């Protein structure tokens, strides 16, 4: 592989993730196209079951001074890393899946008589709340973090772009166009944000940064 293949990550990677790409012969450039900040929130009206669809939500809740009172509840979550983070901190994760659409299906089909508190961010998708409302599931929602777009112009030519969220796609497209670059997406929801822009998309078979990186190495090998 020549050293001219350049990969742009739309978020700052961990050092070992970046190193994996460099070891495979890629030039790596990176920038955070979104910023997340924890919100202030109260733990009022908490239901029997808790829903987390992102690591950001889990991290924010774990920092709450009254987090201990939540640990008796059963957790439903999206993502293996979200599950691991919650379990490491004493939560009992009963159900975990890779996508919010799958979680919506499980809850509405099997747990529709239960009650839920959904910890969310300001830019969350309607997938889950819409399904729960339609099935008349008893739930409330508490916003625990905020995502803001931080668009920036990328002036260098790149061969591949790594995307990790629909909001990351939206932010990138504010100041940049996608031409022939291959877009590597962490999951189907992120890929769907590119549907009207390009068909040159590869979706990780498991939604993790490591799997996205494996796809890059595989594609350009």
N, C-alpha and C. Protein backbone atom coordinates (compact mmCIF):
# COMPACT_ATOMS: atom_id res chain seq x y z
N UNK A 1 0.85 -1.19 0.00
CA UNK A 1 0.00 0.00 0.00
C UNK A 1 0.89 1.25 0.00
N UNK A 2 0.59 2.22 -0.92
CA UNK A 2 1.40 3.43 -0.85
C UNK A 2 0.89 4.31 0.29
N UNK A 3 1.70 5.32 0.62
CA UNK A 3 1.38 6.14 1.78
C UNK A 3 0.45 7.30 1.46
N UNK A 4 -0.08 7.31 0.24
CA UNK A 4 -0.89 8.45 -0.18
C UNK A 4 -2.37 8.29 0.17
N UNK A 5 -2.75 7.15 0.67
CA UNK A 5 -4.16 6.98 1.03
C UNK A 5 -4.43 7.70 2.36
N UNK A 6 -5.28 8.70 2.28
CA UNK A 6 -5.56 9.55 3.43
C UNK A 6 -6.98 9.32 3.94
N UNK A 7 -7.09 9.11 5.23
CA UNK A 7 -8.37 8.86 5.88
C UNK A 7 -8.70 10.04 6.79
N UNK A 8 -9.91 10.54 6.67
CA UNK A 8 -10.39 11.59 7.57
C UNK A 8 -11.38 10.99 8.57
N UNK A 9 -11.12 11.18 9.85
CA UNK A 9 -12.08 10.78 10.87
C UNK A 9 -12.83 12.02 11.35
N UNK A 10 -14.15 11.94 11.39
CA UNK A 10 -14.97 13.09 11.80
C UNK A 10 -15.11 13.18 13.32
N UNK A 11 -14.31 12.40 14.02
CA UNK A 11 -14.11 12.62 15.45
C UNK A 11 -12.69 12.22 15.80
N UNK A 12 -12.15 12.82 16.86
CA UNK A 12 -10.79 12.50 17.29
C UNK A 12 -10.77 11.05 17.80
N UNK A 13 -9.92 10.25 17.21
CA UNK A 13 -9.83 8.83 17.59
C UNK A 13 -8.96 8.68 18.84
N UNK A 14 -9.14 7.54 19.52
CA UNK A 14 -8.21 7.19 20.60
C UNK A 14 -6.87 6.83 19.97
N UNK A 15 -5.80 6.98 20.74
CA UNK A 15 -4.47 6.80 20.16
C UNK A 15 -4.27 5.41 19.54
N UNK A 16 -4.81 4.35 20.19
CA UNK A 16 -4.62 3.01 19.63
C UNK A 16 -5.43 2.80 18.35
N UNK A 17 -6.57 3.52 18.24
CA UNK A 17 -7.39 3.40 17.02
C UNK A 17 -6.66 4.06 15.85
N UNK A 18 -6.11 5.24 16.11
CA UNK A 18 -5.35 5.96 15.08
C UNK A 18 -4.11 5.16 14.67
N UNK A 19 -3.48 4.55 15.68
CA UNK A 19 -2.26 3.77 15.41
C UNK A 19 -2.54 2.57 14.52
N UNK A 20 -3.71 1.96 14.69
CA UNK A 20 -4.08 0.80 13.86
C UNK A 20 -4.13 1.20 12.38
N UNK A 21 -4.63 2.40 12.11
CA UNK A 21 -4.68 2.88 10.72
C UNK A 21 -3.28 3.21 10.21
N UNK A 22 -2.49 3.85 11.06
CA UNK A 22 -1.12 4.21 10.65
C UNK A 22 -0.27 2.97 10.41
N UNK A 23 -0.45 1.97 11.27
CA UNK A 23 0.31 0.72 11.12
C UNK A 23 -0.03 0.03 9.80
N UNK A 24 -1.25 0.27 9.32
CA UNK A 24 -1.69 -0.33 8.05
C UNK A 24 -1.28 0.52 6.85
N UNK A 25 -0.56 1.63 7.13
CA UNK A 25 0.00 2.42 6.03
C UNK A 25 -0.81 3.63 5.61
N UNK A 26 -1.81 4.01 6.40
CA UNK A 26 -2.65 5.17 6.04
C UNK A 26 -2.11 6.46 6.65
N UNK A 27 -2.38 7.55 5.96
CA UNK A 27 -2.21 8.87 6.55
C UNK A 27 -3.57 9.23 7.19
N UNK A 28 -3.55 9.69 8.44
CA UNK A 28 -4.80 9.94 9.17
C UNK A 28 -4.90 11.42 9.54
N UNK A 29 -6.04 12.01 9.19
CA UNK A 29 -6.34 13.35 9.68
C UNK A 29 -7.67 13.26 10.42
N UNK A 30 -7.87 14.11 11.42
CA UNK A 30 -9.07 13.97 12.25
C UNK A 30 -9.50 15.32 12.82
N UNK A 31 -10.79 15.43 13.06
CA UNK A 31 -11.36 16.64 13.66
C UNK A 31 -12.70 16.28 14.25
N UNK A 32 -13.06 16.93 15.36
CA UNK A 32 -14.38 16.70 15.96
C UNK A 32 -15.42 17.56 15.26
N UNK A 33 -16.35 16.92 14.57
CA UNK A 33 -17.40 17.66 13.87
C UNK A 33 -18.64 17.87 14.72
N UNK A 34 -18.66 17.25 15.90
CA UNK A 34 -19.72 17.55 16.87
C UNK A 34 -19.10 17.68 18.25
N UNK A 35 -19.80 18.37 19.12
CA UNK A 35 -19.36 18.53 20.51
C UNK A 35 -20.52 18.12 21.40
N UNK A 36 -20.24 17.31 22.42
CA UNK A 36 -21.31 16.94 23.36
C UNK A 36 -20.97 17.47 24.75
N UNK A 37 -22.00 17.97 25.42
CA UNK A 37 -21.85 18.47 26.78
C UNK A 37 -22.97 17.93 27.65
N UNK A 38 -22.63 17.56 28.88
CA UNK A 38 -23.65 17.07 29.80
C UNK A 38 -24.60 18.20 30.18
N UNK A 39 -25.88 17.86 30.32
CA UNK A 39 -26.89 18.84 30.74
C UNK A 39 -27.14 18.71 32.24
N UNK A 40 -27.70 19.77 32.84
CA UNK A 40 -28.21 19.66 34.21
C UNK A 40 -29.60 19.05 34.14
N UNK A 41 -29.88 18.08 34.99
CA UNK A 41 -31.22 17.46 34.97
C UNK A 41 -31.54 16.92 36.36
N UNK A 42 -32.83 16.76 36.61
CA UNK A 42 -33.31 16.19 37.88
C UNK A 42 -33.76 14.76 37.66
N UNK A 43 -33.58 13.94 38.69
CA UNK A 43 -34.03 12.55 38.61
C UNK A 43 -35.42 12.44 39.23
N UNK A 44 -36.37 13.13 38.62
CA UNK A 44 -37.76 13.08 39.10
C UNK A 44 -38.59 12.16 38.21
N UNK A 45 -39.53 11.46 38.82
CA UNK A 45 -40.46 10.63 38.05
C UNK A 45 -39.80 9.47 37.33
N UNK A 46 -38.75 8.91 37.95
CA UNK A 46 -38.04 7.79 37.32
C UNK A 46 -38.92 6.53 37.34
N UNK A 47 -39.00 5.87 36.19
CA UNK A 47 -39.83 4.66 36.05
C UNK A 47 -39.02 3.41 36.43
N UNK A 48 -39.69 2.25 36.30
CA UNK A 48 -39.07 0.99 36.73
C UNK A 48 -37.88 0.56 35.87
N UNK A 49 -37.92 0.95 34.59
CA UNK A 49 -36.88 0.54 33.64
C UNK A 49 -36.24 1.77 33.00
N UNK A 50 -34.94 1.66 32.72
CA UNK A 50 -34.20 2.79 32.15
C UNK A 50 -33.75 2.46 30.73
N UNK A 51 -33.82 3.46 29.85
CA UNK A 51 -33.36 3.27 28.47
C UNK A 51 -32.19 4.22 28.18
N UNK A 52 -31.10 3.64 27.67
CA UNK A 52 -29.95 4.42 27.20
C UNK A 52 -29.68 4.04 25.75
N UNK A 53 -29.61 5.03 24.86
CA UNK A 53 -29.30 4.70 23.47
C UNK A 53 -27.93 5.22 23.04
N UNK A 54 -27.15 5.75 24.00
CA UNK A 54 -25.80 6.22 23.66
C UNK A 54 -24.90 6.22 24.88
N UNK A 55 -23.59 6.13 24.61
CA UNK A 55 -22.60 6.24 25.69
C UNK A 55 -22.65 7.62 26.33
N UNK A 56 -22.94 8.65 25.51
CA UNK A 56 -23.01 10.01 26.05
C UNK A 56 -24.06 10.13 27.15
N UNK A 57 -25.21 9.51 26.92
CA UNK A 57 -26.28 9.55 27.92
C UNK A 57 -25.84 8.82 29.19
N UNK A 58 -25.22 7.66 29.01
CA UNK A 58 -24.76 6.87 30.16
C UNK A 58 -23.72 7.65 30.96
N UNK A 59 -22.77 8.28 30.27
CA UNK A 59 -21.71 9.03 30.96
C UNK A 59 -22.28 10.19 31.76
N UNK A 60 -23.27 10.87 31.19
CA UNK A 60 -23.88 12.01 31.88
C UNK A 60 -24.62 11.56 33.14
N UNK A 61 -25.39 10.48 33.01
CA UNK A 61 -26.16 9.97 34.16
C UNK A 61 -25.21 9.48 35.27
N UNK A 62 -24.11 8.84 34.87
CA UNK A 62 -23.16 8.32 35.86
C UNK A 62 -22.53 9.44 36.70
N UNK A 63 -22.51 10.65 36.17
CA UNK A 63 -21.94 11.79 36.90
C UNK A 63 -22.95 12.46 37.83
N UNK A 64 -24.22 12.03 37.76
CA UNK A 64 -25.24 12.66 38.61
C UNK A 64 -25.01 12.28 40.07
N UNK A 65 -25.11 13.27 41.01
CA UNK A 65 -24.84 12.96 42.42
C UNK A 65 -25.77 11.91 43.02
N UNK A 66 -26.96 11.73 42.44
CA UNK A 66 -27.91 10.74 42.98
C UNK A 66 -27.99 9.48 42.12
N UNK A 67 -26.93 9.19 41.37
CA UNK A 67 -26.95 8.05 40.45
C UNK A 67 -27.23 6.72 41.16
N UNK A 68 -26.83 6.59 42.42
CA UNK A 68 -27.00 5.32 43.14
C UNK A 68 -28.46 4.87 43.19
N UNK A 69 -29.39 5.84 43.26
CA UNK A 69 -30.82 5.47 43.38
C UNK A 69 -31.33 4.78 42.12
N UNK A 70 -30.59 4.91 41.02
CA UNK A 70 -31.04 4.33 39.75
C UNK A 70 -30.63 2.87 39.59
N UNK A 71 -29.70 2.42 40.42
CA UNK A 71 -29.09 1.11 40.16
C UNK A 71 -30.00 -0.08 40.46
N UNK A 72 -31.12 0.18 41.12
CA UNK A 72 -32.09 -0.90 41.36
C UNK A 72 -32.94 -1.16 40.11
N UNK A 73 -32.95 -0.20 39.18
CA UNK A 73 -33.78 -0.32 37.98
C UNK A 73 -33.15 -1.26 36.96
N UNK A 74 -33.98 -1.78 36.08
CA UNK A 74 -33.50 -2.63 34.98
C UNK A 74 -33.17 -1.73 33.79
N UNK A 75 -32.07 -2.04 33.12
CA UNK A 75 -31.63 -1.20 32.00
C UNK A 75 -31.82 -1.89 30.65
N UNK A 76 -32.31 -1.10 29.70
CA UNK A 76 -32.40 -1.49 28.30
C UNK A 76 -31.48 -0.53 27.55
N UNK A 77 -30.54 -1.06 26.74
CA UNK A 77 -29.62 -0.11 26.10
C UNK A 77 -29.25 -0.52 24.69
N UNK A 78 -28.73 0.48 23.97
CA UNK A 78 -28.25 0.29 22.60
C UNK A 78 -26.72 0.37 22.63
N UNK A 79 -26.06 -0.66 22.12
CA UNK A 79 -24.60 -0.64 21.98
C UNK A 79 -23.87 -1.42 23.05
N UNK A 80 -22.91 -2.22 22.60
CA UNK A 80 -22.14 -3.06 23.51
C UNK A 80 -21.27 -2.21 24.45
N UNK A 81 -20.77 -1.08 23.97
CA UNK A 81 -19.92 -0.24 24.82
C UNK A 81 -20.74 0.50 25.88
N UNK A 82 -21.96 0.86 25.52
CA UNK A 82 -22.87 1.48 26.49
C UNK A 82 -23.19 0.46 27.59
N UNK A 83 -23.45 -0.76 27.16
CA UNK A 83 -23.73 -1.85 28.11
C UNK A 83 -22.55 -2.06 29.07
N UNK A 84 -21.35 -2.14 28.51
CA UNK A 84 -20.15 -2.38 29.32
C UNK A 84 -19.94 -1.25 30.33
N UNK A 85 -20.12 -0.01 29.87
CA UNK A 85 -19.93 1.15 30.74
C UNK A 85 -20.90 1.12 31.92
N UNK A 86 -22.16 0.80 31.64
CA UNK A 86 -23.18 0.76 32.70
C UNK A 86 -22.92 -0.40 33.68
N UNK A 87 -22.57 -1.55 33.14
CA UNK A 87 -22.32 -2.72 34.01
C UNK A 87 -21.08 -2.51 34.88
N UNK A 88 -20.07 -1.87 34.32
CA UNK A 88 -18.86 -1.57 35.11
C UNK A 88 -19.19 -0.67 36.31
N UNK A 89 -20.27 0.10 36.16
CA UNK A 89 -20.65 1.05 37.21
C UNK A 89 -21.85 0.58 38.04
N UNK A 90 -22.10 -0.74 38.01
CA UNK A 90 -23.07 -1.33 38.93
C UNK A 90 -24.51 -1.39 38.46
N UNK A 91 -24.75 -1.13 37.17
CA UNK A 91 -26.12 -1.24 36.65
C UNK A 91 -26.37 -2.65 36.14
N UNK A 92 -27.64 -3.04 36.17
CA UNK A 92 -28.05 -4.34 35.65
C UNK A 92 -28.68 -4.16 34.28
N UNK A 93 -27.93 -4.52 33.23
CA UNK A 93 -28.45 -4.40 31.86
C UNK A 93 -29.16 -5.69 31.49
N UNK A 94 -30.46 -5.58 31.30
CA UNK A 94 -31.28 -6.75 31.00
C UNK A 94 -31.34 -7.03 29.50
N UNK A 95 -31.44 -5.96 28.72
CA UNK A 95 -31.58 -6.11 27.27
C UNK A 95 -30.62 -5.13 26.59
N UNK A 96 -29.85 -5.63 25.64
CA UNK A 96 -29.07 -4.69 24.82
C UNK A 96 -29.09 -5.15 23.36
N UNK A 97 -29.12 -4.18 22.46
CA UNK A 97 -29.16 -4.44 21.02
C UNK A 97 -28.23 -3.43 20.35
N UNK A 98 -28.07 -3.56 19.03
CA UNK A 98 -27.18 -2.64 18.30
C UNK A 98 -27.88 -1.39 17.80
N UNK A 99 -29.21 -1.45 17.64
CA UNK A 99 -29.93 -0.31 17.06
C UNK A 99 -31.18 0.03 17.85
N UNK A 100 -31.51 1.33 17.86
CA UNK A 100 -32.71 1.81 18.57
C UNK A 100 -33.98 1.19 17.98
N UNK A 101 -33.98 0.94 16.67
CA UNK A 101 -35.16 0.35 16.03
C UNK A 101 -35.42 -1.05 16.57
N UNK A 102 -34.32 -1.80 16.82
CA UNK A 102 -34.47 -3.16 17.39
C UNK A 102 -34.99 -3.08 18.83
N UNK A 103 -34.50 -2.10 19.57
CA UNK A 103 -34.94 -1.94 20.96
C UNK A 103 -36.42 -1.57 21.01
N UNK A 104 -36.84 -0.69 20.09
CA UNK A 104 -38.25 -0.30 20.02
C UNK A 104 -39.13 -1.52 19.77
N UNK A 105 -38.67 -2.40 18.90
CA UNK A 105 -39.44 -3.60 18.57
C UNK A 105 -39.55 -4.53 19.79
N UNK A 106 -38.44 -4.74 20.48
CA UNK A 106 -38.44 -5.62 21.66
C UNK A 106 -39.36 -5.08 22.75
N UNK A 107 -39.24 -3.78 23.02
CA UNK A 107 -40.06 -3.18 24.09
C UNK A 107 -41.54 -3.25 23.74
N UNK A 108 -41.89 -2.88 22.51
CA UNK A 108 -43.32 -2.83 22.15
C UNK A 108 -43.93 -4.23 22.03
N UNK A 109 -43.12 -5.22 21.67
CA UNK A 109 -43.66 -6.58 21.53
C UNK A 109 -43.68 -7.37 22.84
N UNK A 110 -42.65 -7.16 23.68
CA UNK A 110 -42.50 -8.03 24.86
C UNK A 110 -42.73 -7.30 26.18
N UNK A 111 -42.37 -6.00 26.23
CA UNK A 111 -42.41 -5.28 27.50
C UNK A 111 -43.37 -4.10 27.50
N UNK A 112 -44.40 -4.18 26.68
CA UNK A 112 -45.28 -3.01 26.49
C UNK A 112 -46.07 -2.62 27.74
N UNK A 113 -46.18 -3.52 28.71
CA UNK A 113 -46.92 -3.18 29.94
C UNK A 113 -46.01 -2.58 31.01
N UNK A 114 -44.71 -2.54 30.74
CA UNK A 114 -43.76 -1.97 31.70
C UNK A 114 -43.68 -0.45 31.54
N UNK A 115 -43.01 0.21 32.50
CA UNK A 115 -42.81 1.67 32.39
C UNK A 115 -41.32 1.97 32.24
N UNK A 116 -41.00 3.05 31.51
CA UNK A 116 -39.62 3.36 31.14
C UNK A 116 -39.28 4.84 31.30
N UNK A 117 -38.03 5.09 31.67
CA UNK A 117 -37.46 6.44 31.57
C UNK A 117 -36.35 6.38 30.53
N UNK A 118 -36.45 7.25 29.54
CA UNK A 118 -35.51 7.29 28.42
C UNK A 118 -34.56 8.48 28.62
N UNK A 119 -33.27 8.20 28.81
CA UNK A 119 -32.25 9.25 28.95
C UNK A 119 -31.70 9.58 27.57
N UNK A 120 -31.88 10.82 27.13
CA UNK A 120 -31.59 11.14 25.73
C UNK A 120 -30.76 12.41 25.58
N UNK A 121 -30.40 12.68 24.32
CA UNK A 121 -29.74 13.93 23.96
C UNK A 121 -30.67 14.78 23.12
N UNK A 122 -30.29 16.03 22.89
CA UNK A 122 -31.17 16.96 22.18
C UNK A 122 -31.37 16.62 20.71
N UNK A 123 -30.42 15.91 20.10
CA UNK A 123 -30.54 15.58 18.67
C UNK A 123 -30.94 14.13 18.44
N UNK A 124 -31.50 13.50 19.44
CA UNK A 124 -31.86 12.09 19.27
C UNK A 124 -32.91 11.92 18.17
N UNK A 125 -32.90 10.74 17.56
CA UNK A 125 -33.85 10.41 16.49
C UNK A 125 -35.22 10.10 17.11
N UNK A 126 -36.25 10.17 16.28
CA UNK A 126 -37.62 9.91 16.73
C UNK A 126 -37.94 8.41 16.81
N UNK A 127 -37.04 7.58 16.31
CA UNK A 127 -37.32 6.13 16.16
C UNK A 127 -37.96 5.52 17.40
N UNK A 128 -37.30 5.65 18.53
CA UNK A 128 -37.75 5.00 19.77
C UNK A 128 -38.99 5.67 20.37
N UNK A 129 -38.96 7.01 20.63
CA UNK A 129 -40.15 7.64 21.22
C UNK A 129 -41.41 7.45 20.38
N UNK A 130 -41.24 7.52 19.06
CA UNK A 130 -42.39 7.37 18.16
C UNK A 130 -43.01 5.98 18.31
N UNK A 131 -42.16 4.96 18.34
CA UNK A 131 -42.65 3.58 18.47
C UNK A 131 -43.32 3.35 19.83
N UNK A 132 -42.73 3.90 20.89
CA UNK A 132 -43.30 3.72 22.23
C UNK A 132 -44.65 4.43 22.35
N UNK A 133 -44.73 5.63 21.78
CA UNK A 133 -46.01 6.36 21.81
C UNK A 133 -47.08 5.60 21.04
N UNK A 134 -46.71 5.10 19.86
CA UNK A 134 -47.67 4.38 19.01
C UNK A 134 -48.20 3.13 19.71
N UNK A 135 -47.34 2.49 20.51
CA UNK A 135 -47.75 1.27 21.23
C UNK A 135 -48.33 1.57 22.62
N UNK A 136 -48.48 2.90 22.91
CA UNK A 136 -49.03 3.34 24.20
C UNK A 136 -48.24 2.81 25.40
N UNK A 137 -46.93 2.75 25.23
CA UNK A 137 -46.05 2.34 26.34
C UNK A 137 -45.89 3.52 27.30
N UNK A 138 -45.95 3.25 28.60
CA UNK A 138 -45.79 4.29 29.62
C UNK A 138 -44.30 4.65 29.74
N UNK A 139 -43.95 5.87 29.26
CA UNK A 139 -42.54 6.28 29.38
C UNK A 139 -42.44 7.79 29.52
N UNK A 140 -41.34 8.23 30.11
CA UNK A 140 -41.00 9.65 30.09
C UNK A 140 -39.57 9.79 29.58
N UNK A 141 -39.19 11.02 29.28
CA UNK A 141 -37.88 11.26 28.68
C UNK A 141 -37.17 12.38 29.44
N UNK A 142 -35.90 12.15 29.72
CA UNK A 142 -35.08 13.18 30.39
C UNK A 142 -33.85 13.45 29.51
N UNK A 143 -33.69 14.72 29.10
CA UNK A 143 -32.52 15.08 28.29
C UNK A 143 -31.32 15.26 29.21
N UNK A 144 -30.28 14.47 28.95
CA UNK A 144 -29.11 14.48 29.86
C UNK A 144 -27.83 14.99 29.20
N UNK A 145 -27.86 15.21 27.90
CA UNK A 145 -26.69 15.81 27.25
C UNK A 145 -27.13 16.57 26.00
N UNK A 146 -26.24 17.43 25.53
CA UNK A 146 -26.54 18.26 24.37
C UNK A 146 -25.44 18.13 23.34
N UNK A 147 -25.85 17.94 22.10
CA UNK A 147 -24.91 17.86 20.99
C UNK A 147 -25.00 19.13 20.16
N UNK A 148 -23.85 19.73 19.86
CA UNK A 148 -23.83 20.86 18.95
C UNK A 148 -22.93 20.52 17.77
N UNK A 149 -23.30 21.01 16.59
CA UNK A 149 -22.50 20.77 15.39
C UNK A 149 -21.32 21.73 15.38
N UNK A 150 -20.15 21.23 15.00
CA UNK A 150 -18.96 22.08 14.89
C UNK A 150 -18.37 21.92 13.49
N UNK A 151 -19.08 22.42 12.47
CA UNK A 151 -18.62 22.23 11.09
C UNK A 151 -17.30 22.94 10.82
N UNK A 152 -16.50 22.39 9.93
CA UNK A 152 -15.24 23.02 9.53
C UNK A 152 -14.87 22.55 8.14
N UNK A 153 -14.18 23.41 7.41
CA UNK A 153 -13.79 23.11 6.03
C UNK A 153 -12.54 22.25 6.02
N UNK A 154 -12.61 21.14 5.30
CA UNK A 154 -11.43 20.28 5.12
C UNK A 154 -10.85 20.61 3.74
N UNK A 155 -9.64 21.15 3.73
CA UNK A 155 -9.07 21.65 2.46
C UNK A 155 -8.25 20.60 1.73
N UNK A 156 -7.84 19.55 2.43
CA UNK A 156 -7.02 18.52 1.78
C UNK A 156 -7.90 17.45 1.13
N UNK A 157 -7.35 16.80 0.12
CA UNK A 157 -8.06 15.69 -0.52
C UNK A 157 -7.92 14.43 0.35
N UNK A 158 -9.03 13.71 0.52
CA UNK A 158 -8.99 12.46 1.30
C UNK A 158 -9.62 11.34 0.49
N UNK A 159 -9.24 10.11 0.82
CA UNK A 159 -9.76 8.94 0.10
C UNK A 159 -10.93 8.28 0.80
N UNK A 160 -10.94 8.40 2.13
CA UNK A 160 -12.02 7.79 2.91
C UNK A 160 -12.40 8.69 4.06
N UNK A 161 -13.68 8.66 4.43
CA UNK A 161 -14.16 9.47 5.55
C UNK A 161 -14.88 8.56 6.54
N UNK A 162 -14.54 8.70 7.82
CA UNK A 162 -15.18 7.90 8.87
C UNK A 162 -16.28 8.73 9.54
N UNK A 163 -17.49 8.19 9.56
CA UNK A 163 -18.64 8.85 10.19
C UNK A 163 -19.18 8.00 11.32
N UNK A 164 -19.54 8.67 12.44
CA UNK A 164 -19.95 7.93 13.64
C UNK A 164 -21.35 8.31 14.14
N UNK A 165 -22.00 9.26 13.48
CA UNK A 165 -23.35 9.65 13.89
C UNK A 165 -24.01 10.45 12.77
N UNK A 166 -25.34 10.46 12.71
CA UNK A 166 -26.03 11.30 11.71
C UNK A 166 -25.69 12.78 11.88
N UNK A 167 -25.52 13.22 13.13
CA UNK A 167 -25.19 14.64 13.35
C UNK A 167 -23.77 14.95 12.85
N UNK A 168 -22.86 13.98 12.92
CA UNK A 168 -21.53 14.14 12.36
C UNK A 168 -21.58 14.31 10.84
N UNK A 169 -22.45 13.54 10.20
CA UNK A 169 -22.66 13.67 8.75
C UNK A 169 -23.20 15.07 8.42
N UNK A 170 -24.23 15.47 9.15
CA UNK A 170 -24.85 16.78 8.93
C UNK A 170 -23.82 17.91 9.07
N UNK A 171 -23.00 17.82 10.12
CA UNK A 171 -21.99 18.84 10.37
C UNK A 171 -20.95 18.88 9.24
N UNK A 172 -20.49 17.71 8.81
CA UNK A 172 -19.49 17.63 7.74
C UNK A 172 -20.02 18.27 6.45
N UNK A 173 -21.28 17.97 6.12
CA UNK A 173 -21.85 18.43 4.86
C UNK A 173 -22.15 19.93 4.84
N UNK A 174 -22.12 20.58 6.00
CA UNK A 174 -22.34 22.03 6.02
C UNK A 174 -21.24 22.78 5.28
N UNK A 175 -20.00 22.31 5.39
CA UNK A 175 -18.87 23.03 4.79
C UNK A 175 -18.11 22.23 3.74
N UNK A 176 -18.53 20.98 3.51
CA UNK A 176 -17.79 20.10 2.59
C UNK A 176 -18.73 19.33 1.69
N UNK A 177 -18.22 18.96 0.52
CA UNK A 177 -18.99 18.10 -0.39
C UNK A 177 -18.34 16.71 -0.42
N UNK A 178 -19.16 15.70 -0.67
CA UNK A 178 -18.62 14.35 -0.85
C UNK A 178 -18.61 14.05 -2.34
N UNK A 179 -17.42 13.71 -2.86
CA UNK A 179 -17.29 13.43 -4.29
C UNK A 179 -17.11 11.92 -4.48
N UNK A 180 -15.82 11.50 -4.56
CA UNK A 180 -15.54 10.07 -4.80
C UNK A 180 -15.06 9.35 -3.56
N UNK A 181 -15.03 10.06 -2.43
CA UNK A 181 -14.51 9.42 -1.21
C UNK A 181 -15.40 8.25 -0.79
N UNK A 182 -14.78 7.23 -0.24
CA UNK A 182 -15.56 6.13 0.35
C UNK A 182 -15.93 6.55 1.78
N UNK A 183 -17.21 6.44 2.10
CA UNK A 183 -17.69 6.82 3.44
C UNK A 183 -17.88 5.55 4.27
N UNK A 184 -17.18 5.50 5.39
CA UNK A 184 -17.26 4.35 6.30
C UNK A 184 -18.12 4.76 7.49
N UNK A 185 -19.23 4.04 7.70
CA UNK A 185 -20.20 4.44 8.72
C UNK A 185 -20.28 3.41 9.84
N UNK A 186 -20.47 3.90 11.06
CA UNK A 186 -20.52 3.02 12.23
C UNK A 186 -21.79 2.19 12.27
N UNK A 187 -22.86 2.67 11.61
CA UNK A 187 -24.11 1.92 11.63
C UNK A 187 -25.07 2.39 10.55
N UNK A 188 -26.21 1.69 10.46
CA UNK A 188 -27.20 1.97 9.42
C UNK A 188 -27.82 3.37 9.57
N UNK A 189 -28.02 3.82 10.82
CA UNK A 189 -28.63 5.14 11.04
C UNK A 189 -27.73 6.23 10.50
N UNK A 190 -26.43 6.10 10.75
CA UNK A 190 -25.46 7.06 10.23
C UNK A 190 -25.42 6.99 8.71
N UNK A 191 -25.41 5.77 8.17
CA UNK A 191 -25.38 5.60 6.70
C UNK A 191 -26.60 6.22 6.04
N UNK A 192 -27.76 6.12 6.69
CA UNK A 192 -28.99 6.66 6.09
C UNK A 192 -28.92 8.18 5.93
N UNK A 193 -28.09 8.85 6.76
CA UNK A 193 -27.92 10.30 6.64
C UNK A 193 -27.17 10.68 5.36
N UNK A 194 -26.50 9.68 4.75
CA UNK A 194 -25.75 9.92 3.51
C UNK A 194 -26.51 9.47 2.26
N UNK A 195 -27.72 8.95 2.47
CA UNK A 195 -28.46 8.29 1.38
C UNK A 195 -28.66 9.18 0.16
N UNK A 196 -28.89 10.47 0.38
CA UNK A 196 -29.16 11.36 -0.76
C UNK A 196 -27.88 11.99 -1.32
N UNK A 197 -26.74 11.65 -0.71
CA UNK A 197 -25.49 12.32 -1.07
C UNK A 197 -24.56 11.40 -1.87
N UNK A 198 -24.46 10.16 -1.44
CA UNK A 198 -23.54 9.21 -2.09
C UNK A 198 -24.00 7.78 -1.87
N UNK A 199 -23.62 6.93 -2.81
CA UNK A 199 -23.86 5.49 -2.62
C UNK A 199 -22.58 4.78 -2.23
N UNK A 200 -21.52 5.55 -2.15
CA UNK A 200 -20.20 4.99 -1.88
C UNK A 200 -20.01 4.83 -0.37
N UNK A 201 -20.80 3.93 0.21
CA UNK A 201 -20.88 3.81 1.67
C UNK A 201 -20.62 2.37 2.10
N UNK A 202 -19.81 2.20 3.14
CA UNK A 202 -19.59 0.89 3.74
C UNK A 202 -20.00 0.98 5.20
N UNK A 203 -20.88 0.07 5.62
CA UNK A 203 -21.41 0.10 7.00
C UNK A 203 -20.75 -1.02 7.81
N UNK A 204 -20.24 -0.68 8.98
CA UNK A 204 -19.60 -1.68 9.85
C UNK A 204 -20.60 -2.77 10.23
N UNK A 205 -20.15 -4.03 10.24
CA UNK A 205 -21.06 -5.13 10.57
C UNK A 205 -21.42 -5.14 12.06
N UNK A 206 -20.57 -4.53 12.89
CA UNK A 206 -20.89 -4.28 14.30
C UNK A 206 -20.65 -2.80 14.54
N UNK A 207 -21.59 -2.10 15.22
CA UNK A 207 -21.40 -0.66 15.39
C UNK A 207 -20.36 -0.29 16.44
N UNK A 208 -19.09 -0.34 16.03
CA UNK A 208 -18.01 0.10 16.92
C UNK A 208 -16.94 0.77 16.07
N UNK A 209 -16.17 1.65 16.69
CA UNK A 209 -15.08 2.34 15.99
C UNK A 209 -14.09 1.32 15.43
N UNK A 210 -13.80 0.30 16.22
CA UNK A 210 -12.83 -0.72 15.79
C UNK A 210 -13.29 -1.42 14.50
N UNK A 211 -14.58 -1.68 14.41
CA UNK A 211 -15.09 -2.34 13.20
C UNK A 211 -15.03 -1.42 11.99
N UNK A 212 -15.24 -0.14 12.20
CA UNK A 212 -15.10 0.84 11.11
C UNK A 212 -13.66 0.82 10.60
N UNK A 213 -12.72 0.82 11.52
CA UNK A 213 -11.30 0.82 11.16
C UNK A 213 -10.93 -0.47 10.41
N UNK A 214 -11.45 -1.60 10.86
CA UNK A 214 -11.21 -2.88 10.16
C UNK A 214 -11.70 -2.81 8.72
N UNK A 215 -12.88 -2.17 8.52
CA UNK A 215 -13.43 -2.03 7.17
C UNK A 215 -12.53 -1.19 6.28
N UNK A 216 -11.96 -0.13 6.82
CA UNK A 216 -11.04 0.75 6.07
C UNK A 216 -9.84 -0.07 5.59
N UNK A 217 -9.25 -0.81 6.52
CA UNK A 217 -8.05 -1.60 6.19
C UNK A 217 -8.37 -2.65 5.14
N UNK A 218 -9.53 -3.30 5.30
CA UNK A 218 -9.98 -4.34 4.38
C UNK A 218 -10.21 -3.76 2.97
N UNK A 219 -10.86 -2.61 2.93
CA UNK A 219 -11.25 -2.00 1.64
C UNK A 219 -10.04 -1.57 0.81
N UNK A 220 -9.04 -1.00 1.48
CA UNK A 220 -7.90 -0.45 0.74
C UNK A 220 -6.70 -1.38 0.66
N UNK A 221 -6.84 -2.58 1.23
CA UNK A 221 -5.73 -3.53 1.32
C UNK A 221 -5.18 -3.87 -0.07
